[in-house]
Amino acid sequence: MTDNAESNRIRVTVTVTDDESIEQLIDCVDDVVDARTVDDRTTDQQGRPESLQLDVRELTPKQWEALELAGKRGYFDRPRGVDLETLADELAISKSAVSQRLRAAESTLIRAVLDASREPTER
């Protein structure tokens, strides 16, 4: 008979959005289980998170609109499927305004990705 440690494990995946809730959850687990391991995320072979939940509430409606249109029209494709001037025409704003909205949105998204991918002790 082979002892399989995996057969004695229960895996629970929980999404928690704030530190206080995480602490409460861990306290509840401590009350039920003597020995436990809490993994806040899984990673791929390169150590990158396999999935992240991003908080995109900091994006303004105008930034979201510009991002959505740019994505649909292929602005982020290589080679680009559309240029800033065409996006500006479709949004009825200047080329510089589209550029500013996209750069601000990209910056917000990159910050969100990096924040979500940090170990809890780094936050």
N, C-alpha and C. Protein backbone atom coordinates (compact mmCIF):
# COMPACT_ATOMS: atom_id res chain seq x y z
N MET A 1 0.84 -1.18 0.00
CA MET A 1 0.00 0.00 0.00
C MET A 1 0.89 1.25 0.00
N THR A 2 0.61 2.16 -0.90
CA THR A 2 1.40 3.37 -1.02
C THR A 2 0.71 4.51 -0.28
N ASP A 3 1.48 5.21 0.53
CA ASP A 3 0.93 6.36 1.25
C ASP A 3 0.97 7.56 0.31
N ASN A 4 -0.18 8.06 -0.02
CA ASN A 4 -0.27 9.21 -0.93
C ASN A 4 -0.69 10.43 -0.13
N ALA A 5 0.27 11.34 0.09
CA ALA A 5 -0.02 12.54 0.88
C ALA A 5 -1.09 13.41 0.22
N GLU A 6 -1.17 13.37 -1.09
CA GLU A 6 -2.16 14.17 -1.81
C GLU A 6 -3.58 13.77 -1.45
N SER A 7 -3.79 12.48 -1.11
CA SER A 7 -5.15 12.03 -0.79
C SER A 7 -5.65 12.62 0.52
N ASN A 8 -4.76 13.13 1.35
CA ASN A 8 -5.14 13.71 2.62
C ASN A 8 -5.27 15.24 2.57
N ARG A 9 -5.24 15.79 1.38
CA ARG A 9 -5.28 17.24 1.25
C ARG A 9 -6.62 17.70 0.70
N ILE A 10 -6.98 18.89 1.10
CA ILE A 10 -8.14 19.57 0.55
C ILE A 10 -7.62 20.89 -0.01
N ARG A 11 -8.00 21.17 -1.22
CA ARG A 11 -7.57 22.44 -1.82
C ARG A 11 -8.79 23.35 -1.94
N VAL A 12 -8.67 24.53 -1.39
CA VAL A 12 -9.73 25.52 -1.44
C VAL A 12 -9.15 26.77 -2.09
N THR A 13 -9.83 27.28 -3.09
CA THR A 13 -9.41 28.51 -3.74
C THR A 13 -10.39 29.60 -3.37
N VAL A 14 -9.87 30.68 -2.83
CA VAL A 14 -10.69 31.77 -2.35
C VAL A 14 -10.15 33.08 -2.92
N THR A 15 -11.04 33.95 -3.33
CA THR A 15 -10.64 35.28 -3.77
C THR A 15 -11.05 36.27 -2.69
N VAL A 16 -10.07 36.98 -2.18
CA VAL A 16 -10.30 37.96 -1.13
C VAL A 16 -9.69 39.27 -1.60
N THR A 17 -10.41 40.37 -1.39
CA THR A 17 -9.97 41.64 -1.96
C THR A 17 -9.30 42.59 -0.99
N ASP A 18 -9.28 42.27 0.29
CA ASP A 18 -8.63 43.19 1.22
C ASP A 18 -7.90 42.41 2.32
N ASP A 19 -6.91 43.06 2.91
CA ASP A 19 -6.06 42.42 3.92
C ASP A 19 -6.84 41.96 5.15
N GLU A 20 -7.81 42.75 5.59
CA GLU A 20 -8.58 42.38 6.78
C GLU A 20 -9.34 41.07 6.54
N SER A 21 -9.92 40.92 5.37
CA SER A 21 -10.65 39.69 5.05
C SER A 21 -9.71 38.50 4.98
N ILE A 22 -8.50 38.72 4.47
CA ILE A 22 -7.50 37.64 4.41
C ILE A 22 -7.17 37.18 5.83
N GLU A 23 -6.93 38.14 6.72
CA GLU A 23 -6.61 37.79 8.11
C GLU A 23 -7.76 37.03 8.76
N GLN A 24 -9.00 37.46 8.52
CA GLN A 24 -10.16 36.77 9.09
C GLN A 24 -10.26 35.35 8.55
N LEU A 25 -10.02 35.19 7.25
CA LEU A 25 -10.07 33.87 6.64
C LEU A 25 -9.02 32.95 7.25
N ILE A 26 -7.80 33.44 7.40
CA ILE A 26 -6.73 32.63 7.98
C ILE A 26 -7.05 32.26 9.43
N ASP A 27 -7.63 33.20 10.18
CA ASP A 27 -8.04 32.89 11.56
C ASP A 27 -9.07 31.77 11.58
N CYS A 28 -10.02 31.81 10.65
CA CYS A 28 -11.04 30.75 10.57
C CYS A 28 -10.40 29.41 10.23
N VAL A 29 -9.46 29.42 9.30
CA VAL A 29 -8.77 28.18 8.93
C VAL A 29 -7.99 27.65 10.13
N ASP A 30 -7.32 28.54 10.85
CA ASP A 30 -6.57 28.13 12.04
C ASP A 30 -7.47 27.45 13.07
N ASP A 31 -8.71 27.93 13.19
CA ASP A 31 -9.65 27.34 14.15
C ASP A 31 -10.04 25.92 13.76
N VAL A 32 -10.00 25.61 12.47
CA VAL A 32 -10.48 24.32 11.98
C VAL A 32 -9.35 23.33 11.76
N VAL A 33 -8.20 23.80 11.32
CA VAL A 33 -7.10 22.93 10.92
C VAL A 33 -5.87 23.25 11.75
N ASP A 34 -5.24 22.20 12.31
CA ASP A 34 -4.03 22.41 13.11
C ASP A 34 -2.85 22.83 12.25
N ALA A 35 -2.57 22.07 11.22
CA ALA A 35 -1.43 22.38 10.34
C ALA A 35 -1.99 22.74 8.98
N ARG A 36 -1.54 23.84 8.46
CA ARG A 36 -2.07 24.27 7.17
C ARG A 36 -1.00 25.03 6.38
N THR A 37 -1.18 25.02 5.09
CA THR A 37 -0.36 25.81 4.20
C THR A 37 -1.32 26.64 3.37
N VAL A 38 -1.10 27.94 3.36
CA VAL A 38 -1.94 28.82 2.57
C VAL A 38 -1.09 29.36 1.43
N ASP A 39 -1.43 28.99 0.22
CA ASP A 39 -0.76 29.53 -0.96
C ASP A 39 -1.68 30.59 -1.53
N ASP A 40 -1.20 31.81 -1.65
CA ASP A 40 -2.07 32.86 -2.14
C ASP A 40 -2.16 32.87 -3.66
N ARG A 41 -1.30 32.12 -4.31
CA ARG A 41 -1.35 32.07 -5.78
C ARG A 41 -0.56 30.88 -6.27
N THR A 42 -0.79 30.52 -7.51
CA THR A 42 0.01 29.50 -8.16
C THR A 42 0.84 30.17 -9.23
N THR A 43 2.00 29.59 -9.52
CA THR A 43 2.89 30.18 -10.51
C THR A 43 3.24 29.17 -11.59
N ASP A 44 3.66 29.70 -12.73
CA ASP A 44 4.10 28.83 -13.81
C ASP A 44 5.57 28.45 -13.60
N GLN A 45 6.17 27.78 -14.57
CA GLN A 45 7.56 27.32 -14.42
C GLN A 45 8.56 28.46 -14.31
N GLN A 46 8.21 29.64 -14.81
CA GLN A 46 9.11 30.79 -14.72
C GLN A 46 8.85 31.61 -13.46
N GLY A 47 7.95 31.14 -12.60
CA GLY A 47 7.65 31.85 -11.37
C GLY A 47 6.65 32.98 -11.52
N ARG A 48 6.01 33.09 -12.70
CA ARG A 48 5.00 34.12 -12.91
C ARG A 48 3.65 33.61 -12.44
N PRO A 49 2.80 34.51 -11.95
CA PRO A 49 1.47 34.07 -11.54
C PRO A 49 0.71 33.49 -12.73
N GLU A 50 -0.02 32.39 -12.49
CA GLU A 50 -0.81 31.79 -13.56
C GLU A 50 -2.06 32.60 -13.85
N SER A 51 -2.57 33.27 -12.86
CA SER A 51 -3.72 34.13 -13.07
C SER A 51 -3.68 35.26 -12.05
N LEU A 52 -4.28 36.37 -12.42
CA LEU A 52 -4.34 37.53 -11.55
C LEU A 52 -5.74 38.12 -11.64
N GLN A 53 -6.17 38.73 -10.57
CA GLN A 53 -7.38 39.52 -10.62
C GLN A 53 -6.96 40.97 -10.50
N LEU A 54 -7.36 41.75 -11.48
CA LEU A 54 -6.96 43.15 -11.53
C LEU A 54 -8.09 44.06 -11.10
N ASP A 55 -7.73 45.08 -10.36
CA ASP A 55 -8.69 46.11 -9.99
C ASP A 55 -8.56 47.21 -11.03
N VAL A 56 -9.57 47.37 -11.87
CA VAL A 56 -9.52 48.36 -12.95
C VAL A 56 -10.40 49.56 -12.65
N ARG A 57 -10.80 49.70 -11.39
CA ARG A 57 -11.68 50.82 -11.02
C ARG A 57 -11.01 52.17 -11.21
N GLU A 58 -9.68 52.21 -11.26
CA GLU A 58 -9.00 53.49 -11.43
C GLU A 58 -9.06 54.00 -12.88
N LEU A 59 -9.43 53.14 -13.81
CA LEU A 59 -9.58 53.59 -15.19
C LEU A 59 -10.83 54.46 -15.29
N THR A 60 -10.68 55.60 -15.96
CA THR A 60 -11.85 56.46 -16.17
C THR A 60 -12.70 55.89 -17.30
N PRO A 61 -13.97 56.27 -17.37
CA PRO A 61 -14.81 55.80 -18.49
C PRO A 61 -14.22 56.17 -19.86
N LYS A 62 -13.61 57.33 -19.96
CA LYS A 62 -13.01 57.74 -21.24
C LYS A 62 -11.78 56.89 -21.58
N GLN A 63 -10.98 56.57 -20.56
CA GLN A 63 -9.82 55.69 -20.79
C GLN A 63 -10.29 54.30 -21.20
N TRP A 64 -11.33 53.80 -20.53
CA TRP A 64 -11.86 52.47 -20.87
C TRP A 64 -12.39 52.46 -22.30
N GLU A 65 -13.11 53.50 -22.68
CA GLU A 65 -13.64 53.60 -24.05
C GLU A 65 -12.51 53.59 -25.07
N ALA A 66 -11.46 54.36 -24.82
CA ALA A 66 -10.33 54.40 -25.73
C ALA A 66 -9.62 53.05 -25.80
N LEU A 67 -9.41 52.41 -24.66
CA LEU A 67 -8.78 51.09 -24.63
C LEU A 67 -9.60 50.06 -25.40
N GLU A 68 -10.89 50.06 -25.15
CA GLU A 68 -11.77 49.09 -25.80
C GLU A 68 -11.75 49.27 -27.32
N LEU A 69 -11.87 50.51 -27.77
CA LEU A 69 -11.85 50.77 -29.22
C LEU A 69 -10.49 50.41 -29.81
N ALA A 70 -9.42 50.79 -29.13
CA ALA A 70 -8.07 50.49 -29.62
C ALA A 70 -7.86 48.97 -29.73
N GLY A 71 -8.34 48.24 -28.75
CA GLY A 71 -8.22 46.79 -28.78
C GLY A 71 -9.01 46.17 -29.92
N LYS A 72 -10.24 46.62 -30.09
CA LYS A 72 -11.10 46.09 -31.16
C LYS A 72 -10.55 46.40 -32.54
N ARG A 73 -9.97 47.57 -32.70
CA ARG A 73 -9.48 47.99 -34.01
C ARG A 73 -8.05 47.52 -34.31
N GLY A 74 -7.39 46.89 -33.35
CA GLY A 74 -6.06 46.34 -33.59
C GLY A 74 -4.91 47.28 -33.33
N TYR A 75 -5.13 48.29 -32.53
CA TYR A 75 -4.06 49.24 -32.22
C TYR A 75 -2.89 48.57 -31.51
N PHE A 76 -3.16 47.56 -30.69
CA PHE A 76 -2.10 46.89 -29.93
C PHE A 76 -1.50 45.71 -30.68
N ASP A 77 -2.00 45.42 -31.87
CA ASP A 77 -1.45 44.33 -32.69
C ASP A 77 -0.12 44.76 -33.29
N ARG A 78 0.68 43.79 -33.69
CA ARG A 78 1.92 44.05 -34.42
C ARG A 78 1.85 43.36 -35.75
N PRO A 79 1.83 44.03 -36.87
CA PRO A 79 1.78 45.49 -37.00
C PRO A 79 0.41 46.03 -36.57
N ARG A 80 0.37 47.32 -36.26
CA ARG A 80 -0.87 47.96 -35.81
C ARG A 80 -1.94 47.84 -36.89
N GLY A 81 -3.16 47.59 -36.43
CA GLY A 81 -4.30 47.52 -37.34
C GLY A 81 -4.95 48.87 -37.56
N VAL A 82 -4.59 49.84 -36.71
CA VAL A 82 -5.18 51.17 -36.80
C VAL A 82 -4.18 52.15 -36.18
N ASP A 83 -4.25 53.41 -36.60
CA ASP A 83 -3.35 54.41 -36.02
C ASP A 83 -4.13 55.35 -35.10
N LEU A 84 -3.39 56.21 -34.40
CA LEU A 84 -4.01 57.14 -33.45
C LEU A 84 -4.98 58.10 -34.13
N GLU A 85 -4.64 58.51 -35.33
CA GLU A 85 -5.50 59.46 -36.04
C GLU A 85 -6.88 58.86 -36.32
N THR A 86 -6.91 57.61 -36.72
CA THR A 86 -8.18 56.94 -36.98
C THR A 86 -8.98 56.77 -35.69
N LEU A 87 -8.29 56.38 -34.61
CA LEU A 87 -8.97 56.27 -33.32
C LEU A 87 -9.52 57.62 -32.89
N ALA A 88 -8.73 58.68 -33.08
CA ALA A 88 -9.17 60.02 -32.71
C ALA A 88 -10.44 60.40 -33.49
N ASP A 89 -10.46 60.10 -34.77
CA ASP A 89 -11.65 60.39 -35.57
C ASP A 89 -12.88 59.64 -35.05
N GLU A 90 -12.70 58.36 -34.72
CA GLU A 90 -13.82 57.56 -34.24
C GLU A 90 -14.32 58.03 -32.87
N LEU A 91 -13.41 58.53 -32.05
CA LEU A 91 -13.79 59.01 -30.72
C LEU A 91 -14.17 60.50 -30.73
N ALA A 92 -13.97 61.15 -31.86
CA ALA A 92 -14.26 62.57 -32.03
C ALA A 92 -13.47 63.43 -31.03
N ILE A 93 -12.18 63.09 -30.88
CA ILE A 93 -11.26 63.86 -30.06
C ILE A 93 -9.94 64.00 -30.81
N SER A 94 -9.03 64.77 -30.25
CA SER A 94 -7.74 64.97 -30.93
C SER A 94 -6.85 63.73 -30.81
N LYS A 95 -5.90 63.66 -31.71
CA LYS A 95 -4.92 62.57 -31.69
C LYS A 95 -4.14 62.56 -30.38
N SER A 96 -3.76 63.74 -29.89
CA SER A 96 -3.01 63.80 -28.63
C SER A 96 -3.87 63.37 -27.44
N ALA A 97 -5.17 63.64 -27.50
CA ALA A 97 -6.06 63.22 -26.40
C ALA A 97 -6.18 61.69 -26.37
N VAL A 98 -6.26 61.05 -27.55
CA VAL A 98 -6.30 59.58 -27.59
C VAL A 98 -5.00 59.02 -27.05
N SER A 99 -3.89 59.58 -27.48
CA SER A 99 -2.59 59.11 -27.01
C SER A 99 -2.49 59.23 -25.50
N GLN A 100 -2.92 60.37 -24.94
CA GLN A 100 -2.86 60.58 -23.50
C GLN A 100 -3.74 59.58 -22.77
N ARG A 101 -4.96 59.34 -23.25
CA ARG A 101 -5.87 58.40 -22.60
C ARG A 101 -5.31 56.99 -22.60
N LEU A 102 -4.75 56.59 -23.75
CA LEU A 102 -4.19 55.24 -23.84
C LEU A 102 -2.97 55.08 -22.94
N ARG A 103 -2.10 56.08 -22.91
CA ARG A 103 -0.92 56.00 -22.05
C ARG A 103 -1.31 55.97 -20.58
N ALA A 104 -2.28 56.77 -20.19
CA ALA A 104 -2.73 56.78 -18.80
C ALA A 104 -3.37 55.43 -18.44
N ALA A 105 -4.17 54.89 -19.35
CA ALA A 105 -4.81 53.59 -19.11
C ALA A 105 -3.77 52.48 -19.02
N GLU A 106 -2.80 52.50 -19.92
CA GLU A 106 -1.74 51.49 -19.90
C GLU A 106 -0.96 51.55 -18.58
N SER A 107 -0.65 52.76 -18.14
CA SER A 107 0.07 52.93 -16.88
C SER A 107 -0.73 52.37 -15.71
N THR A 108 -2.02 52.65 -15.68
CA THR A 108 -2.89 52.14 -14.62
C THR A 108 -2.94 50.62 -14.65
N LEU A 109 -3.06 50.04 -15.83
CA LEU A 109 -3.13 48.58 -15.96
C LEU A 109 -1.81 47.91 -15.57
N ILE A 110 -0.70 48.51 -15.97
CA ILE A 110 0.59 47.94 -15.61
C ILE A 110 0.79 47.96 -14.10
N ARG A 111 0.43 49.08 -13.45
CA ARG A 111 0.51 49.15 -12.00
C ARG A 111 -0.38 48.08 -11.36
N ALA A 112 -1.58 47.88 -11.90
CA ALA A 112 -2.50 46.88 -11.35
C ALA A 112 -1.92 45.47 -11.49
N VAL A 113 -1.31 45.18 -12.64
CA VAL A 113 -0.70 43.87 -12.86
C VAL A 113 0.44 43.65 -11.88
N LEU A 114 1.31 44.63 -11.73
CA LEU A 114 2.45 44.50 -10.84
C LEU A 114 2.00 44.39 -9.38
N ASP A 115 1.01 45.18 -8.99
CA ASP A 115 0.49 45.10 -7.62
C ASP A 115 -0.12 43.73 -7.36
N ALA A 116 -0.88 43.21 -8.30
CA ALA A 116 -1.55 41.92 -8.12
C ALA A 116 -0.56 40.76 -8.11
N SER A 117 0.59 40.94 -8.75
CA SER A 117 1.55 39.82 -8.86
C SER A 117 2.55 39.78 -7.71
N ARG A 118 2.58 40.81 -6.88
CA ARG A 118 3.52 40.83 -5.75
C ARG A 118 3.11 39.84 -4.69
N GLU A 119 4.11 39.34 -4.01
CA GLU A 119 3.87 38.49 -2.84
C GLU A 119 3.15 39.36 -1.79
N PRO A 120 2.30 38.78 -0.96
CA PRO A 120 1.58 39.55 0.05
C PRO A 120 2.49 40.37 0.96
N THR A 121 3.67 39.88 1.28
CA THR A 121 4.58 40.61 2.16
C THR A 121 5.19 41.82 1.47
N GLU A 122 5.13 41.87 0.13
CA GLU A 122 5.70 42.99 -0.60
C GLU A 122 4.71 44.13 -0.72
N ARG A 123 3.43 43.89 -0.46
CA ARG A 123 2.40 44.89 -0.69
C ARG A 123 2.38 45.94 0.39
